[in-house]
Amino acid sequence: MMGGGMSTGAPSAGSGATQVGLTPTGSRFELQVATGERGQLATAWLWLAIAALLISGVFSILLVAARTPFIQGLMPGVDFFRVALVVHVDMSVLVWFAAFTLRWWSRSAWA
């Protein structure tokens, strides 16, 4: 292996090149916020993600209640624990990840 032709990724002192990702001194970073239809769509996806987490939290409380000896008899259905577990996992993982991913996708799709 020849060591002379390998690059470390850092520019040499006299090359005049700048590293990727660094901004020149004195520049400002400005975050562009989506407006109009894009902003409304991104906001709607974000609210769906938040609602999925809230529903998942409610079902986690119902999971605990379904295993509590005195409250267990008050729960509807024969096997309410399994139903609550499936809804809890679906809302917390599947719906949240899909909604949050689509929130970023709808924000940057037309940028």
PDB file of N, CA and C in Angstrom:
ATOM      1  N   MET A   1       0.842  -1.171   0.000  1.00  0.00           N
ATOM      2  CA  MET A   1       0.000   0.000   0.000  1.00  0.00           C
ATOM      3  C   MET A   1       0.886   1.233   0.000  1.00  0.00           C
ATOM      4  N   MET A   2       0.599   2.164  -0.837  1.00  0.00           N
ATOM      5  CA  MET A   2       1.415   3.367  -0.944  1.00  0.00           C
ATOM      6  C   MET A   2       0.828   4.454  -0.075  1.00  0.00           C
ATOM      7  N   GLY A   3       1.639   5.017   0.786  1.00  0.00           N
ATOM      8  CA  GLY A   3       1.160   6.030   1.719  1.00  0.00           C
ATOM      9  C   GLY A   3       1.171   7.418   1.144  1.00  0.00           C
ATOM     10  N   GLY A   4       1.907   7.664   0.066  1.00  0.00           N
ATOM     11  CA  GLY A   4       2.026   9.014  -0.455  1.00  0.00           C
ATOM     12  C   GLY A   4       0.781   9.519  -1.151  1.00  0.00           C
ATOM     13  N   GLY A   5      -0.039   8.641  -1.719  1.00  0.00           N
ATOM     14  CA  GLY A   5      -1.201   9.075  -2.479  1.00  0.00           C
ATOM     15  C   GLY A   5      -2.475   9.127  -1.672  1.00  0.00           C
ATOM     16  N   MET A   6      -2.420   8.767  -0.421  1.00  0.00           N
ATOM     17  CA  MET A   6      -3.628   8.733   0.398  1.00  0.00           C
ATOM     18  C   MET A   6      -3.920  10.112   0.958  1.00  0.00           C
ATOM     19  N   SER A   7      -5.192  10.455   0.990  1.00  0.00           N
ATOM     20  CA  SER A   7      -5.617  11.752   1.516  1.00  0.00           C
ATOM     21  C   SER A   7      -6.314  11.554   2.848  1.00  0.00           C
ATOM     22  N   THR A   8      -6.071  12.453   3.765  1.00  0.00           N
ATOM     23  CA  THR A   8      -6.718  12.377   5.082  1.00  0.00           C
ATOM     24  C   THR A   8      -8.042  13.108   5.103  1.00  0.00           C
ATOM     25  N   GLY A   9      -8.390  13.798   4.045  1.00  0.00           N
ATOM     26  CA  GLY A   9      -9.641  14.532   4.014  1.00  0.00           C
ATOM     27  C   GLY A   9      -9.497  15.964   4.459  1.00  0.00           C
ATOM     28  N   ALA A  10      -8.406  16.301   5.100  1.00  0.00           N
ATOM     29  CA  ALA A  10      -8.191  17.672   5.555  1.00  0.00           C
ATOM     30  C   ALA A  10      -7.383  18.408   4.500  1.00  0.00           C
ATOM     31  N   PRO A  11      -7.728  19.649   4.207  1.00  0.00           N
ATOM     32  CA  PRO A  11      -6.969  20.393   3.203  1.00  0.00           C
ATOM     33  C   PRO A  11      -5.580  20.740   3.725  1.00  0.00           C
ATOM     34  N   SER A  12      -4.678  20.824   2.820  1.00  0.00           N
ATOM     35  CA  SER A  12      -3.332  21.217   3.222  1.00  0.00           C
ATOM     36  C   SER A  12      -3.294  22.711   3.479  1.00  0.00           C
ATOM     37  N   ALA A  13      -2.250  23.156   4.144  1.00  0.00           N
ATOM     38  CA  ALA A  13      -2.177  24.550   4.578  1.00  0.00           C
ATOM     39  C   ALA A  13      -2.150  25.528   3.415  1.00  0.00           C
ATOM     40  N   GLY A  14      -1.521  25.171   2.329  1.00  0.00           N
ATOM     41  CA  GLY A  14      -1.386  26.127   1.237  1.00  0.00           C
ATOM     42  C   GLY A  14      -2.329  25.874   0.086  1.00  0.00           C
ATOM     43  N   SER A  15      -3.300  24.938   0.229  1.00  0.00           N
ATOM     44  CA  SER A  15      -4.131  24.584  -0.915  1.00  0.00           C
ATOM     45  C   SER A  15      -5.252  25.578  -1.172  1.00  0.00           C
ATOM     46  N   GLY A  16      -5.697  26.290  -0.168  1.00  0.00           N
ATOM     47  CA  GLY A  16      -6.765  27.264  -0.348  1.00  0.00           C
ATOM     48  C   GLY A  16      -8.153  26.632  -0.312  1.00  0.00           C
ATOM     49  N   ALA A  17      -8.256  25.320  -0.120  1.00  0.00           N
ATOM     50  CA  ALA A  17      -9.543  24.643  -0.073  1.00  0.00           C
ATOM     51  C   ALA A  17     -10.144  24.770   1.325  1.00  0.00           C
ATOM     52  N   THR A  18     -11.477  24.751   1.402  1.00  0.00           N
ATOM     53  CA  THR A  18     -12.157  24.794   2.696  1.00  0.00           C
ATOM     54  C   THR A  18     -12.806  23.450   2.951  1.00  0.00           C
ATOM     55  N   GLN A  19     -12.983  23.111   4.216  1.00  0.00           N
ATOM     56  CA  GLN A  19     -13.616  21.850   4.559  1.00  0.00           C
ATOM     57  C   GLN A  19     -15.114  21.941   4.331  1.00  0.00           C
ATOM     58  N   VAL A  20     -15.715  20.821   3.950  1.00  0.00           N
ATOM     59  CA  VAL A  20     -17.142  20.749   3.738  1.00  0.00           C
ATOM     60  C   VAL A  20     -17.851  20.843   5.082  1.00  0.00           C
ATOM     61  N   GLY A  21     -18.913  21.631   5.151  1.00  0.00           N
ATOM     62  CA  GLY A  21     -19.691  21.744   6.372  1.00  0.00           C
ATOM     63  C   GLY A  21     -19.314  22.938   7.231  1.00  0.00           C
ATOM     64  N   LEU A  22     -18.210  23.578   6.951  1.00  0.00           N
ATOM     65  CA  LEU A  22     -17.817  24.748   7.722  1.00  0.00           C
ATOM     66  C   LEU A  22     -18.259  26.004   6.987  1.00  0.00           C
ATOM     67  N   THR A  23     -18.741  26.963   7.747  1.00  0.00           N
ATOM     68  CA  THR A  23     -19.163  28.221   7.146  1.00  0.00           C
ATOM     69  C   THR A  23     -18.087  29.268   7.383  1.00  0.00           C
ATOM     70  N   PRO A  24     -17.923  30.164   6.442  1.00  0.00           N
ATOM     71  CA  PRO A  24     -16.926  31.212   6.617  1.00  0.00           C
ATOM     72  C   PRO A  24     -17.253  32.090   7.829  1.00  0.00           C
ATOM     73  N   THR A  25     -16.249  32.694   8.401  1.00  0.00           N
ATOM     74  CA  THR A  25     -16.426  33.555   9.561  1.00  0.00           C
ATOM     75  C   THR A  25     -17.283  34.754   9.177  1.00  0.00           C
ATOM     76  N   GLY A  26     -18.258  35.064  10.014  1.00  0.00           N
ATOM     77  CA  GLY A  26     -19.118  36.215   9.781  1.00  0.00           C
ATOM     78  C   GLY A  26     -20.399  35.878   9.034  1.00  0.00           C
ATOM     79  N   SER A  27     -20.574  34.653   8.552  1.00  0.00           N
ATOM     80  CA  SER A  27     -21.809  34.308   7.837  1.00  0.00           C
ATOM     81  C   SER A  27     -22.889  33.930   8.836  1.00  0.00           C
ATOM     82  N   ARG A  28     -24.130  34.023   8.402  1.00  0.00           N
ATOM     83  CA  ARG A  28     -25.269  33.691   9.258  1.00  0.00           C
ATOM     84  C   ARG A  28     -25.982  32.469   8.710  1.00  0.00           C
ATOM     85  N   PHE A  29     -26.476  31.657   9.602  1.00  0.00           N
ATOM     86  CA  PHE A  29     -27.285  30.515   9.208  1.00  0.00           C
ATOM     87  C   PHE A  29     -28.741  30.896   9.383  1.00  0.00           C
ATOM     88  N   GLU A  30     -29.525  30.736   8.335  1.00  0.00           N
ATOM     89  CA  GLU A  30     -30.938  31.059   8.399  1.00  0.00           C
ATOM     90  C   GLU A  30     -31.747  29.813   8.090  1.00  0.00           C
ATOM     91  N   LEU A  31     -32.680  29.483   8.964  1.00  0.00           N
ATOM     92  CA  LEU A  31     -33.549  28.331   8.779  1.00  0.00           C
ATOM     93  C   LEU A  31     -34.812  28.792   8.071  1.00  0.00           C
ATOM     94  N   GLN A  32     -35.075  28.193   6.928  1.00  0.00           N
ATOM     95  CA  GLN A  32     -36.280  28.551   6.185  1.00  0.00           C
ATOM     96  C   GLN A  32     -37.431  27.686   6.687  1.00  0.00           C
ATOM     97  N   VAL A  33     -38.500  28.326   7.108  1.00  0.00           N
ATOM     98  CA  VAL A  33     -39.675  27.632   7.611  1.00  0.00           C
ATOM     99  C   VAL A  33     -40.684  27.531   6.484  1.00  0.00           C
ATOM    100  N   ALA A  34     -41.248  26.331   6.322  1.00  0.00           N
ATOM    101  CA  ALA A  34     -42.224  26.118   5.268  1.00  0.00           C
ATOM    102  C   ALA A  34     -43.479  26.942   5.542  1.00  0.00           C
ATOM    103  N   THR A  35     -44.015  27.544   4.512  1.00  0.00           N
ATOM    104  CA  THR A  35     -45.237  28.338   4.634  1.00  0.00           C
ATOM    105  C   THR A  35     -46.246  27.859   3.605  1.00  0.00           C
ATOM    106  N   GLY A  36     -47.454  28.342   3.711  1.00  0.00           N
ATOM    107  CA  GLY A  36     -48.494  27.992   2.752  1.00  0.00           C
ATOM    108  C   GLY A  36     -48.946  26.550   2.919  1.00  0.00           C
ATOM    109  N   GLU A  37     -49.207  25.893   1.790  1.00  0.00           N
ATOM    110  CA  GLU A  37     -49.696  24.520   1.816  1.00  0.00           C
ATOM    111  C   GLU A  37     -48.662  23.558   2.385  1.00  0.00           C
ATOM    112  N   ARG A  38     -47.401  23.778   2.064  1.00  0.00           N
ATOM    113  CA  ARG A  38     -46.343  22.913   2.601  1.00  0.00           C
ATOM    114  C   ARG A  38     -46.284  22.993   4.114  1.00  0.00           C
ATOM    115  N   GLY A  39     -46.388  24.185   4.645  1.00  0.00           N
ATOM    116  CA  GLY A  39     -46.361  24.363   6.091  1.00  0.00           C
ATOM    117  C   GLY A  39     -47.565  23.728   6.771  1.00  0.00           C
ATOM    118  N   GLN A  40     -48.737  23.875   6.156  1.00  0.00           N
ATOM    119  CA  GLN A  40     -49.941  23.277   6.727  1.00  0.00           C
ATOM    120  C   GLN A  40     -49.870  21.753   6.702  1.00  0.00           C
ATOM    121  N   LEU A  41     -49.349  21.196   5.611  1.00  0.00           N
ATOM    122  CA  LEU A  41     -49.217  19.749   5.512  1.00  0.00           C
ATOM    123  C   LEU A  41     -48.206  19.222   6.528  1.00  0.00           C
ATOM    124  N   ALA A  42     -47.090  19.901   6.679  1.00  0.00           N
ATOM    125  CA  ALA A  42     -46.086  19.484   7.657  1.00  0.00           C
ATOM    126  C   ALA A  42     -46.631  19.583   9.077  1.00  0.00           C
ATOM    127  N   THR A  43     -47.406  20.623   9.357  1.00  0.00           N
ATOM    128  CA  THR A  43     -48.011  20.780  10.680  1.00  0.00           C
ATOM    129  C   THR A  43     -49.038  19.689  10.953  1.00  0.00           C
ATOM    130  N   ALA A  44     -49.822  19.326   9.937  1.00  0.00           N
ATOM    131  CA  ALA A  44     -50.812  18.266  10.110  1.00  0.00           C
ATOM    132  C   ALA A  44     -50.139  16.930  10.405  1.00  0.00           C
ATOM    133  N   TRP A  45     -49.037  16.622   9.725  1.00  0.00           N
ATOM    134  CA  TRP A  45     -48.304  15.378   9.997  1.00  0.00           C
ATOM    135  C   TRP A  45     -47.723  15.402  11.404  1.00  0.00           C
ATOM    136  N   LEU A  46     -47.244  16.556  11.843  1.00  0.00           N
ATOM    137  CA  LEU A  46     -46.687  16.661  13.187  1.00  0.00           C
ATOM    138  C   LEU A  46     -47.765  16.433  14.239  1.00  0.00           C
ATOM    139  N   TRP A  47     -48.952  16.978  14.026  1.00  0.00           N
ATOM    140  CA  TRP A  47     -50.049  16.765  14.972  1.00  0.00           C
ATOM    141  C   TRP A  47     -50.480  15.305  15.000  1.00  0.00           C
ATOM    142  N   LEU A  48     -50.440  14.627  13.845  1.00  0.00           N
ATOM    143  CA  LEU A  48     -50.761  13.202  13.833  1.00  0.00           C
ATOM    144  C   LEU A  48     -49.735  12.413  14.643  1.00  0.00           C
ATOM    145  N   ALA A  49     -48.459  12.771  14.516  1.00  0.00           N
ATOM    146  CA  ALA A  49     -47.412  12.098  15.291  1.00  0.00           C
ATOM    147  C   ALA A  49     -47.615  12.319  16.790  1.00  0.00           C
ATOM    148  N   ILE A  50     -47.947  13.531  17.186  1.00  0.00           N
ATOM    149  CA  ILE A  50     -48.185  13.831  18.604  1.00  0.00           C
ATOM    150  C   ILE A  50     -49.420  13.089  19.109  1.00  0.00           C
ATOM    151  N   ALA A  51     -50.482  13.054  18.298  1.00  0.00           N
ATOM    152  CA  ALA A  51     -51.693  12.330  18.695  1.00  0.00           C
ATOM    153  C   ALA A  51     -51.412  10.843  18.850  1.00  0.00           C
ATOM    154  N   ALA A  52     -50.571  10.276  17.980  1.00  0.00           N
ATOM    155  CA  ALA A  52     -50.219   8.858  18.093  1.00  0.00           C
ATOM    156  C   ALA A  52     -49.492   8.578  19.402  1.00  0.00           C
ATOM    157  N   LEU A  53     -48.599   9.476  19.798  1.00  0.00           N
ATOM    158  CA  LEU A  53     -47.907   9.292  21.074  1.00  0.00           C
ATOM    159  C   LEU A  53     -48.856   9.419  22.261  1.00  0.00           C
ATOM    160  N   LEU A  54     -49.800  10.349  22.181  1.00  0.00           N
ATOM    161  CA  LEU A  54     -50.771  10.499  23.264  1.00  0.00           C
ATOM    162  C   LEU A  54     -51.668   9.270  23.393  1.00  0.00           C
ATOM    163  N   ILE A  55     -52.150   8.770  22.263  1.00  0.00           N
ATOM    164  CA  ILE A  55     -52.997   7.575  22.287  1.00  0.00           C
ATOM    165  C   ILE A  55     -52.196   6.383  22.799  1.00  0.00           C
ATOM    166  N   SER A  56     -50.944   6.289  22.394  1.00  0.00           N
ATOM    167  CA  SER A  56     -50.080   5.215  22.880  1.00  0.00           C
ATOM    168  C   SER A  56     -49.897   5.306  24.391  1.00  0.00           C
ATOM    169  N   GLY A  57     -49.767   6.508  24.915  1.00  0.00           N
ATOM    170  CA  GLY A  57     -49.644   6.696  26.362  1.00  0.00           C
ATOM    171  C   GLY A  57     -50.896   6.277  27.102  1.00  0.00           C
ATOM    172  N   VAL A  58     -52.054   6.596  26.545  1.00  0.00           N
ATOM    173  CA  VAL A  58     -53.314   6.190  27.181  1.00  0.00           C
ATOM    174  C   VAL A  58     -53.410   4.668  27.211  1.00  0.00           C
ATOM    175  N   PHE A  59     -53.035   4.019  26.106  1.00  0.00           N
ATOM    176  CA  PHE A  59     -53.120   2.567  26.070  1.00  0.00           C
ATOM    177  C   PHE A  59     -52.070   1.902  26.958  1.00  0.00           C
ATOM    178  N   SER A  60     -50.962   2.578  27.233  1.00  0.00           N
ATOM    179  CA  SER A  60     -50.005   2.006  28.186  1.00  0.00           C
ATOM    180  C   SER A  60     -50.585   2.010  29.598  1.00  0.00           C
ATOM    181  N   ILE A  61     -51.359   3.046  29.921  1.00  0.00           N
ATOM    182  CA  ILE A  61     -52.043   3.075  31.223  1.00  0.00           C
ATOM    183  C   ILE A  61     -53.109   1.988  31.281  1.00  0.00           C
ATOM    184  N   LEU A  62     -53.817   1.784  30.156  1.00  0.00           N
ATOM    185  CA  LEU A  62     -54.820   0.719  30.108  1.00  0.00           C
ATOM    186  C   LEU A  62     -54.177  -0.664  30.207  1.00  0.00           C
ATOM    187  N   LEU A  63     -52.946  -0.796  29.707  1.00  0.00           N
ATOM    188  CA  LEU A  63     -52.215  -2.063  29.845  1.00  0.00           C
ATOM    189  C   LEU A  63     -51.975  -2.394  31.321  1.00  0.00           C
ATOM    190  N   VAL A  64     -51.563  -1.394  32.067  1.00  0.00           N
ATOM    191  CA  VAL A  64     -51.333  -1.600  33.500  1.00  0.00           C
ATOM    192  C   VAL A  64     -52.646  -1.927  34.197  1.00  0.00           C
ATOM    193  N   ALA A  65     -53.704  -1.207  33.824  1.00  0.00           N
ATOM    194  CA  ALA A  65     -55.012  -1.447  34.447  1.00  0.00           C
ATOM    195  C   ALA A  65     -55.541  -2.837  34.105  1.00  0.00           C
ATOM    196  N   ALA A  66     -55.225  -3.328  32.900  1.00  0.00           N
ATOM    197  CA  ALA A  66     -55.718  -4.647  32.499  1.00  0.00           C
ATOM    198  C   ALA A  66     -55.053  -5.767  33.288  1.00  0.00           C
ATOM    199  N   ARG A  67     -53.921  -5.502  33.913  1.00  0.00           N
ATOM    200  CA  ARG A  67     -53.230  -6.514  34.714  1.00  0.00           C
ATOM    201  C   ARG A  67     -53.427  -6.315  36.218  1.00  0.00           C
ATOM    202  N   THR A  68     -54.102  -5.243  36.607  1.00  0.00           N
ATOM    203  CA  THR A  68     -54.371  -4.999  38.026  1.00  0.00           C
ATOM    204  C   THR A  68     -55.521  -5.902  38.475  1.00  0.00           C
ATOM    205  N   PRO A  69     -55.375  -6.641  39.582  1.00  0.00           N
ATOM    206  CA  PRO A  69     -56.383  -7.642  39.968  1.00  0.00           C
ATOM    207  C   PRO A  69     -57.800  -7.082  40.151  1.00  0.00           C
ATOM    208  N   PHE A  70     -57.958  -5.951  40.803  1.00  0.00           N
ATOM    209  CA  PHE A  70     -59.307  -5.449  41.069  1.00  0.00           C
ATOM    210  C   PHE A  70     -59.928  -4.733  39.878  1.00  0.00           C
ATOM    211  N   ILE A  71     -59.116  -4.168  39.029  1.00  0.00           N
ATOM    212  CA  ILE A  71     -59.626  -3.430  37.868  1.00  0.00           C
ATOM    213  C   ILE A  71     -59.771  -4.341  36.655  1.00  0.00           C
ATOM    214  N   GLN A  72     -59.115  -5.474  36.654  1.00  0.00           N
ATOM    215  CA  GLN A  72     -59.101  -6.390  35.520  1.00  0.00           C
ATOM    216  C   GLN A  72     -60.505  -6.826  35.104  1.00  0.00           C
ATOM    217  N   GLY A  73     -61.387  -7.014  36.059  1.00  0.00           N
ATOM    218  CA  GLY A  73     -62.755  -7.431  35.755  1.00  0.00           C
ATOM    219  C   GLY A  73     -63.593  -6.344  35.113  1.00  0.00           C
ATOM    220  N   LEU A  74     -63.203  -5.083  35.250  1.00  0.00           N
ATOM    221  CA  LEU A  74     -63.963  -3.977  34.665  1.00  0.00           C
ATOM    222  C   LEU A  74     -63.626  -3.727  33.200  1.00  0.00           C
ATOM    223  N   MET A  75     -62.540  -4.327  32.716  1.00  0.00           N
ATOM    224  CA  MET A  75     -62.106  -4.081  31.345  1.00  0.00           C
ATOM    225  C   MET A  75     -63.017  -4.803  30.360  1.00  0.00           C
ATOM    226  N   PRO A  76     -63.339  -4.146  29.238  1.00  0.00           N
ATOM    227  CA  PRO A  76     -64.224  -4.781  28.247  1.00  0.00           C
ATOM    228  C   PRO A  76     -63.487  -5.870  27.464  1.00  0.00           C
ATOM    229  N   GLY A  77     -64.221  -6.828  26.989  1.00  0.00           N
ATOM    230  CA  GLY A  77     -63.640  -7.873  26.156  1.00  0.00           C
ATOM    231  C   GLY A  77     -63.004  -8.986  26.953  1.00  0.00           C
ATOM    232  N   VAL A  78     -62.780 -10.080  26.283  1.00  0.00           N
ATOM    233  CA  VAL A  78     -62.221 -11.256  26.931  1.00  0.00           C
ATOM    234  C   VAL A  78     -60.724 -11.089  27.159  1.00  0.00           C
ATOM    235  N   ASP A  79     -60.021 -10.628  26.141  1.00  0.00           N
ATOM    236  CA  ASP A  79     -58.566 -10.507  26.239  1.00  0.00           C
ATOM    237  C   ASP A  79     -58.157  -9.060  25.944  1.00  0.00           C
ATOM    238  N   PHE A  80     -58.583  -8.158  26.808  1.00  0.00           N
ATOM    239  CA  PHE A  80     -58.328  -6.732  26.585  1.00  0.00           C
ATOM    240  C   PHE A  80     -56.845  -6.403  26.627  1.00  0.00           C
ATOM    241  N   PHE A  81     -56.059  -7.134  27.393  1.00  0.00           N
ATOM    242  CA  PHE A  81     -54.624  -6.861  27.505  1.00  0.00           C
ATOM    243  C   PHE A  81     -53.937  -6.961  26.147  1.00  0.00           C
ATOM    244  N   ARG A  82     -54.219  -7.999  25.407  1.00  0.00           N
ATOM    245  CA  ARG A  82     -53.580  -8.173  24.092  1.00  0.00           C
ATOM    246  C   ARG A  82     -54.013  -7.095  23.110  1.00  0.00           C
ATOM    247  N   VAL A  83     -55.274  -6.718  23.145  1.00  0.00           N
ATOM    248  CA  VAL A  83     -55.764  -5.651  22.262  1.00  0.00           C
ATOM    249  C   VAL A  83     -55.080  -4.329  22.605  1.00  0.00           C
ATOM    250  N   ALA A  84     -55.002  -4.013  23.881  1.00  0.00           N
ATOM    251  CA  ALA A  84     -54.358  -2.775  24.300  1.00  0.00           C
ATOM    252  C   ALA A  84     -52.872  -2.779  23.970  1.00  0.00           C
ATOM    253  N   LEU A  85     -52.240  -3.927  24.073  1.00  0.00           N
ATOM    254  CA  LEU A  85     -50.817  -4.028  23.746  1.00  0.00           C
ATOM    255  C   LEU A  85     -50.572  -3.794  22.260  1.00  0.00           C
ATOM    256  N   VAL A  86     -51.397  -4.376  21.421  1.00  0.00           N
ATOM    257  CA  VAL A  86     -51.248  -4.198  19.974  1.00  0.00           C
ATOM    258  C   VAL A  86     -51.478  -2.745  19.587  1.00  0.00           C
ATOM    259  N   VAL A  87     -52.522  -2.112  20.118  1.00  0.00           N
ATOM    260  CA  VAL A  87     -52.796  -0.706  19.803  1.00  0.00           C
ATOM    261  C   VAL A  87     -51.668   0.183  20.314  1.00  0.00           C
ATOM    262  N   HIS A  88     -51.174  -0.103  21.503  1.00  0.00           N
ATOM    263  CA  HIS A  88     -50.085   0.683  22.084  1.00  0.00           C
ATOM    264  C   HIS A  88     -48.833   0.623  21.196  1.00  0.00           C
ATOM    265  N   VAL A  89     -48.446  -0.562  20.774  1.00  0.00           N
ATOM    266  CA  VAL A  89     -47.246  -0.711  19.950  1.00  0.00           C
ATOM    267  C   VAL A  89     -47.457  -0.110  18.563  1.00  0.00           C
ATOM    268  N   ASP A  90     -48.623  -0.335  17.968  1.00  0.00           N
ATOM    269  CA  ASP A  90     -48.891   0.221  16.639  1.00  0.00           C
ATOM    270  C   ASP A  90     -48.845   1.743  16.649  1.00  0.00           C
ATOM    271  N   MET A  91     -49.457   2.344  17.656  1.00  0.00           N
ATOM    272  CA  MET A  91     -49.489   3.806  17.700  1.00  0.00           C
ATOM    273  C   MET A  91     -48.121   4.388  18.036  1.00  0.00           C
ATOM    274  N   SER A  92     -47.394   3.727  18.908  1.00  0.00           N
ATOM    275  CA  SER A  92     -46.119   4.307  19.325  1.00  0.00           C
ATOM    276  C   SER A  92     -45.025   4.096  18.297  1.00  0.00           C
ATOM    277  N   VAL A  93     -45.046   3.015  17.573  1.00  0.00           N
ATOM    278  CA  VAL A  93     -43.959   2.742  16.631  1.00  0.00           C
ATOM    279  C   VAL A  93     -44.374   3.044  15.202  1.00  0.00           C
ATOM    280  N   LEU A  94     -45.365   2.335  14.713  1.00  0.00           N
ATOM    281  CA  LEU A  94     -45.706   2.452  13.297  1.00  0.00           C
ATOM    282  C   LEU A  94     -46.251   3.821  12.917  1.00  0.00           C
ATOM    283  N   VAL A  95     -47.292   4.241  13.596  1.00  0.00           N
ATOM    284  CA  VAL A  95     -47.931   5.511  13.226  1.00  0.00           C
ATOM    285  C   VAL A  95     -47.009   6.692  13.506  1.00  0.00           C
ATOM    286  N   TRP A  96     -46.317   6.678  14.657  1.00  0.00           N
ATOM    287  CA  TRP A  96     -45.458   7.811  14.989  1.00  0.00           C
ATOM    288  C   TRP A  96     -44.311   7.947  14.010  1.00  0.00           C
ATOM    289  N   PHE A  97     -43.612   6.854  13.721  1.00  0.00           N
ATOM    290  CA  PHE A  97     -42.488   6.940  12.795  1.00  0.00           C
ATOM    291  C   PHE A  97     -42.945   7.337  11.397  1.00  0.00           C
ATOM    292  N   ALA A  98     -44.064   6.789  10.938  1.00  0.00           N
ATOM    293  CA  ALA A  98     -44.562   7.153   9.610  1.00  0.00           C
ATOM    294  C   ALA A  98     -44.956   8.627   9.562  1.00  0.00           C
ATOM    295  N   ALA A  99     -45.692   9.100  10.562  1.00  0.00           N
ATOM    296  CA  ALA A  99     -46.141  10.492  10.561  1.00  0.00           C
ATOM    297  C   ALA A  99     -44.968  11.452  10.691  1.00  0.00           C
ATOM    298  N   PHE A 100     -44.004  11.131  11.538  1.00  0.00           N
ATOM    299  CA  PHE A 100     -42.875  12.039  11.715  1.00  0.00           C
ATOM    300  C   PHE A 100     -41.983  12.055  10.480  1.00  0.00           C
ATOM    301  N   THR A 101     -41.819  10.905   9.841  1.00  0.00           N
ATOM    302  CA  THR A 101     -41.057  10.856   8.590  1.00  0.00           C
ATOM    303  C   THR A 101     -41.762  11.644   7.502  1.00  0.00           C
ATOM    304  N   LEU A 102     -43.063  11.483   7.384  1.00  0.00           N
ATOM    305  CA  LEU A 102     -43.815  12.223   6.368  1.00  0.00           C
ATOM    306  C   LEU A 102     -43.857  13.713   6.669  1.00  0.00           C
ATOM    307  N   ARG A 103     -43.744  14.093   7.932  1.00  0.00           N
ATOM    308  CA  ARG A 103     -43.668  15.513   8.278  1.00  0.00           C
ATOM    309  C   ARG A 103     -42.414  16.123   7.665  1.00  0.00           C
ATOM    310  N   TRP A 104     -41.268  15.459   7.816  1.00  0.00           N
ATOM    311  CA  TRP A 104     -40.029  15.980   7.230  1.00  0.00           C
ATOM    312  C   TRP A 104     -40.041  15.874   5.717  1.00  0.00           C
ATOM    313  N   TRP A 105     -40.636  14.828   5.200  1.00  0.00           N
ATOM    314  CA  TRP A 105     -40.700  14.647   3.754  1.00  0.00           C
ATOM    315  C   TRP A 105     -41.571  15.736   3.117  1.00  0.00           C
ATOM    316  N   SER A 106     -42.724  16.027   3.720  1.00  0.00           N
ATOM    317  CA  SER A 106     -43.589  17.055   3.154  1.00  0.00           C
ATOM    318  C   SER A 106     -42.987  18.435   3.300  1.00  0.00           C
ATOM    319  N   ARG A 107     -42.152  18.647   4.293  1.00  0.00           N
ATOM    320  CA  ARG A 107     -41.505  19.941   4.453  1.00  0.00           C
ATOM    321  C   ARG A 107     -40.431  20.170   3.413  1.00  0.00           C
ATOM    322  N   SER A 108     -39.724  19.120   3.040  1.00  0.00           N
ATOM    323  CA  SER A 108     -38.582  19.293   2.133  1.00  0.00           C
ATOM    324  C   SER A 108     -38.833  18.777   0.731  1.00  0.00           C
ATOM    325  N   ALA A 109     -40.004  18.282   0.438  1.00  0.00           N
ATOM    326  CA  ALA A 109     -40.264  17.673  -0.878  1.00  0.00           C
ATOM    327  C   ALA A 109     -40.168  18.676  -2.013  1.00  0.00           C
ATOM    328  N   TRP A 110     -40.566  19.908  -1.776  1.00  0.00           N
ATOM    329  CA  TRP A 110     -40.570  20.895  -2.838  1.00  0.00           C
ATOM    330  C   TRP A 110     -39.550  21.993  -2.611  1.00  0.00           C
ATOM    331  N   ALA A 111     -38.644  21.783  -1.671  1.00  0.00           N
ATOM    332  CA  ALA A 111     -37.657  22.815  -1.348  1.00  0.00           C
ATOM    333  C   ALA A 111     -36.616  22.957  -2.440  1.00  0.00           C
TER     334      ALA A 111
END
